Amino acid sequence: MDENNKTDKDILTKGLKQMGICLILMFVGPTLLHLTLDNKDKSLYIPLLILSILLCILAISFLFIGINTILNSIFKKK
């Protein structure tokens, strides 16, 4: 195998860390959203709703960034 076609392990590790963050956010965001929507009469309803939606958006963002980083580590030539 040619030296140029090897996987860059540092970039791959970075991508896997991003996917780990995504996995955590995929559980925390929707769980917080569900708990927030069940308690509409609480005083922290609006801030928690905004936070939970933001966490869900961050989960999707980290998913795409992580997949892109992993693919760059595998297929990008130096």
N, C-alpha and C. Protein backbone atom coordinates (compact mmCIF):
# COMPACT_ATOMS: atom_id res chain seq x y z
N MET A 1 0.85 -1.18 0.00
CA MET A 1 0.00 0.00 0.00
C MET A 1 0.89 1.24 0.00
N ASP A 2 0.49 2.22 -0.74
CA ASP A 2 1.26 3.45 -0.86
C ASP A 2 1.19 4.26 0.43
N GLU A 3 2.26 4.98 0.74
CA GLU A 3 2.34 5.78 1.97
C GLU A 3 1.31 6.91 1.98
N ASN A 4 0.90 7.40 0.81
CA ASN A 4 -0.05 8.52 0.74
C ASN A 4 -1.48 8.10 1.04
N ASN A 5 -1.79 6.81 0.97
CA ASN A 5 -3.17 6.36 1.13
C ASN A 5 -3.48 5.88 2.54
N LYS A 6 -2.58 6.04 3.49
CA LYS A 6 -2.84 5.58 4.85
C LYS A 6 -3.75 6.56 5.59
N THR A 7 -4.47 6.03 6.56
CA THR A 7 -5.37 6.84 7.37
C THR A 7 -4.56 7.69 8.35
N ASP A 8 -4.92 8.96 8.45
CA ASP A 8 -4.27 9.85 9.42
C ASP A 8 -4.91 9.60 10.78
N LYS A 9 -4.18 8.98 11.67
CA LYS A 9 -4.74 8.55 12.96
C LYS A 9 -5.09 9.71 13.88
N ASP A 10 -4.36 10.83 13.79
CA ASP A 10 -4.68 11.99 14.63
C ASP A 10 -6.03 12.59 14.25
N ILE A 11 -6.26 12.72 12.95
CA ILE A 11 -7.54 13.27 12.49
C ILE A 11 -8.67 12.29 12.77
N LEU A 12 -8.39 10.99 12.63
CA LEU A 12 -9.40 9.98 12.94
C LEU A 12 -9.79 10.03 14.42
N THR A 13 -8.82 10.20 15.30
CA THR A 13 -9.10 10.30 16.73
C THR A 13 -9.95 11.53 17.03
N LYS A 14 -9.63 12.63 16.36
CA LYS A 14 -10.42 13.85 16.54
C LYS A 14 -11.87 13.63 16.09
N GLY A 15 -12.05 12.94 14.98
CA GLY A 15 -13.39 12.65 14.49
C GLY A 15 -14.17 11.73 15.41
N LEU A 16 -13.48 10.75 15.99
CA LEU A 16 -14.16 9.85 16.92
C LEU A 16 -14.54 10.56 18.21
N LYS A 17 -13.72 11.50 18.65
CA LYS A 17 -14.08 12.30 19.83
C LYS A 17 -15.32 13.14 19.54
N GLN A 18 -15.39 13.71 18.34
CA GLN A 18 -16.57 14.49 17.96
C GLN A 18 -17.81 13.62 17.90
N MET A 19 -17.66 12.38 17.44
CA MET A 19 -18.81 11.47 17.41
C MET A 19 -19.22 11.06 18.83
N GLY A 20 -18.26 10.98 19.75
CA GLY A 20 -18.59 10.69 21.14
C GLY A 20 -19.39 11.83 21.77
N ILE A 21 -18.98 13.07 21.48
CA ILE A 21 -19.73 14.23 21.96
C ILE A 21 -21.13 14.22 21.37
N CYS A 22 -21.23 13.87 20.10
CA CYS A 22 -22.53 13.79 19.43
C CYS A 22 -23.42 12.76 20.11
N LEU A 23 -22.85 11.60 20.46
CA LEU A 23 -23.63 10.55 21.12
C LEU A 23 -24.19 11.02 22.46
N ILE A 24 -23.37 11.73 23.22
CA ILE A 24 -23.83 12.25 24.51
C ILE A 24 -24.94 13.27 24.30
N LEU A 25 -24.75 14.19 23.34
CA LEU A 25 -25.76 15.21 23.08
C LEU A 25 -27.05 14.61 22.52
N MET A 26 -26.96 13.49 21.80
CA MET A 26 -28.15 12.85 21.26
C MET A 26 -29.05 12.28 22.36
N PHE A 27 -28.47 11.96 23.51
CA PHE A 27 -29.28 11.50 24.63
C PHE A 27 -29.73 12.65 25.52
N VAL A 28 -28.84 13.60 25.78
CA VAL A 28 -29.14 14.69 26.71
C VAL A 28 -30.17 15.65 26.13
N GLY A 29 -30.01 16.05 24.87
CA GLY A 29 -30.91 17.02 24.25
C GLY A 29 -32.37 16.60 24.23
N PRO A 30 -32.69 15.46 23.62
CA PRO A 30 -34.10 15.03 23.60
C PRO A 30 -34.66 14.72 24.98
N THR A 31 -33.82 14.18 25.89
CA THR A 31 -34.31 13.91 27.24
C THR A 31 -34.69 15.20 27.95
N LEU A 32 -33.83 16.20 27.84
CA LEU A 32 -34.13 17.49 28.46
C LEU A 32 -35.35 18.14 27.80
N LEU A 33 -35.48 17.99 26.49
CA LEU A 33 -36.64 18.53 25.79
C LEU A 33 -37.93 17.87 26.27
N HIS A 34 -37.90 16.56 26.45
CA HIS A 34 -39.08 15.84 26.94
C HIS A 34 -39.44 16.29 28.36
N LEU A 35 -38.43 16.40 29.22
CA LEU A 35 -38.69 16.84 30.59
C LEU A 35 -39.20 18.27 30.64
N THR A 36 -38.69 19.11 29.75
CA THR A 36 -39.12 20.51 29.70
C THR A 36 -40.57 20.62 29.24
N LEU A 37 -40.92 19.86 28.21
CA LEU A 37 -42.28 19.95 27.67
C LEU A 37 -43.32 19.34 28.62
N ASP A 38 -42.88 18.47 29.52
CA ASP A 38 -43.81 17.92 30.51
C ASP A 38 -44.10 18.89 31.64
N ASN A 39 -43.24 19.88 31.85
CA ASN A 39 -43.39 20.83 32.97
C ASN A 39 -43.55 22.26 32.45
N LYS A 40 -44.64 22.52 31.75
CA LYS A 40 -44.85 23.85 31.16
C LYS A 40 -45.16 24.92 32.20
N ASP A 41 -45.58 24.53 33.36
CA ASP A 41 -45.96 25.52 34.37
C ASP A 41 -44.79 25.97 35.24
N LYS A 42 -43.61 25.42 35.05
CA LYS A 42 -42.44 25.80 35.86
C LYS A 42 -41.88 27.14 35.39
N SER A 43 -41.13 27.80 36.28
CA SER A 43 -40.60 29.13 35.97
C SER A 43 -39.44 29.07 34.98
N LEU A 44 -38.74 27.96 34.89
CA LEU A 44 -37.60 27.83 33.98
C LEU A 44 -37.97 27.20 32.64
N TYR A 45 -39.23 27.25 32.28
CA TYR A 45 -39.70 26.58 31.07
C TYR A 45 -39.00 27.11 29.81
N ILE A 46 -39.02 28.42 29.61
CA ILE A 46 -38.45 29.01 28.38
C ILE A 46 -36.94 28.82 28.31
N PRO A 47 -36.15 29.10 29.36
CA PRO A 47 -34.70 28.88 29.25
C PRO A 47 -34.34 27.41 29.01
N LEU A 48 -35.03 26.49 29.67
CA LEU A 48 -34.75 25.07 29.45
C LEU A 48 -35.17 24.62 28.06
N LEU A 49 -36.25 25.17 27.54
CA LEU A 49 -36.68 24.85 26.19
C LEU A 49 -35.65 25.30 25.17
N ILE A 50 -35.14 26.51 25.33
CA ILE A 50 -34.11 27.03 24.43
C ILE A 50 -32.85 26.19 24.54
N LEU A 51 -32.44 25.85 25.76
CA LEU A 51 -31.25 25.05 25.96
C LEU A 51 -31.38 23.66 25.34
N SER A 52 -32.52 23.03 25.51
CA SER A 52 -32.70 21.69 24.98
C SER A 52 -32.73 21.69 23.45
N ILE A 53 -33.35 22.68 22.85
CA ILE A 53 -33.35 22.78 21.38
C ILE A 53 -31.95 23.05 20.87
N LEU A 54 -31.21 23.88 21.58
CA LEU A 54 -29.82 24.16 21.21
C LEU A 54 -28.96 22.90 21.30
N LEU A 55 -29.17 22.08 22.33
CA LEU A 55 -28.42 20.83 22.46
C LEU A 55 -28.76 19.85 21.33
N CYS A 56 -30.01 19.82 20.91
CA CYS A 56 -30.40 18.96 19.79
C CYS A 56 -29.74 19.42 18.49
N ILE A 57 -29.69 20.72 18.27
CA ILE A 57 -29.03 21.26 17.08
C ILE A 57 -27.53 20.98 17.12
N LEU A 58 -26.92 21.11 18.30
CA LEU A 58 -25.50 20.81 18.45
C LEU A 58 -25.21 19.33 18.18
N ALA A 59 -26.12 18.44 18.57
CA ALA A 59 -25.94 17.02 18.31
C ALA A 59 -25.89 16.74 16.81
N ILE A 60 -26.81 17.36 16.08
CA ILE A 60 -26.83 17.18 14.62
C ILE A 60 -25.58 17.77 14.00
N SER A 61 -25.15 18.93 14.49
CA SER A 61 -23.94 19.56 13.96
C SER A 61 -22.70 18.70 14.21
N PHE A 62 -22.56 18.19 15.43
CA PHE A 62 -21.41 17.34 15.73
C PHE A 62 -21.45 16.04 14.92
N LEU A 63 -22.63 15.56 14.59
CA LEU A 63 -22.75 14.38 13.76
C LEU A 63 -22.13 14.62 12.39
N PHE A 64 -22.54 15.69 11.74
CA PHE A 64 -22.02 15.99 10.41
C PHE A 64 -20.53 16.34 10.44
N ILE A 65 -20.10 17.12 11.43
CA ILE A 65 -18.69 17.48 11.54
C ILE A 65 -17.84 16.24 11.81
N GLY A 66 -18.31 15.36 12.69
CA GLY A 66 -17.57 14.14 13.01
C GLY A 66 -17.44 13.21 11.82
N ILE A 67 -18.53 13.01 11.09
CA ILE A 67 -18.48 12.15 9.90
C ILE A 67 -17.55 12.75 8.86
N ASN A 68 -17.62 14.05 8.67
CA ASN A 68 -16.74 14.71 7.70
C ASN A 68 -15.28 14.58 8.11
N THR A 69 -14.98 14.73 9.39
CA THR A 69 -13.60 14.60 9.86
C THR A 69 -13.09 13.17 9.68
N ILE A 70 -13.92 12.19 9.98
CA ILE A 70 -13.52 10.79 9.80
C ILE A 70 -13.27 10.48 8.33
N LEU A 71 -14.15 10.95 7.47
CA LEU A 71 -13.96 10.71 6.03
C LEU A 71 -12.71 11.42 5.51
N ASN A 72 -12.42 12.62 6.04
CA ASN A 72 -11.19 13.31 5.64
C ASN A 72 -9.95 12.55 6.07
N SER A 73 -10.02 11.92 7.24
CA SER A 73 -8.84 11.17 7.71
C SER A 73 -8.61 9.92 6.87
N ILE A 74 -9.67 9.36 6.30
CA ILE A 74 -9.53 8.14 5.52
C ILE A 74 -9.16 8.43 4.07
N PHE A 75 -9.84 9.37 3.44
CA PHE A 75 -9.71 9.56 1.99
C PHE A 75 -8.86 10.74 1.56
N LYS A 76 -8.53 11.66 2.45
CA LYS A 76 -7.77 12.84 2.04
C LYS A 76 -6.31 12.48 1.84
N LYS A 77 -5.76 12.92 0.74
CA LYS A 77 -4.34 12.68 0.47
C LYS A 77 -3.53 13.85 0.98
N LYS A 78 -2.36 13.56 1.49
CA LYS A 78 -1.49 14.62 2.00
C LYS A 78 -0.74 15.30 0.89
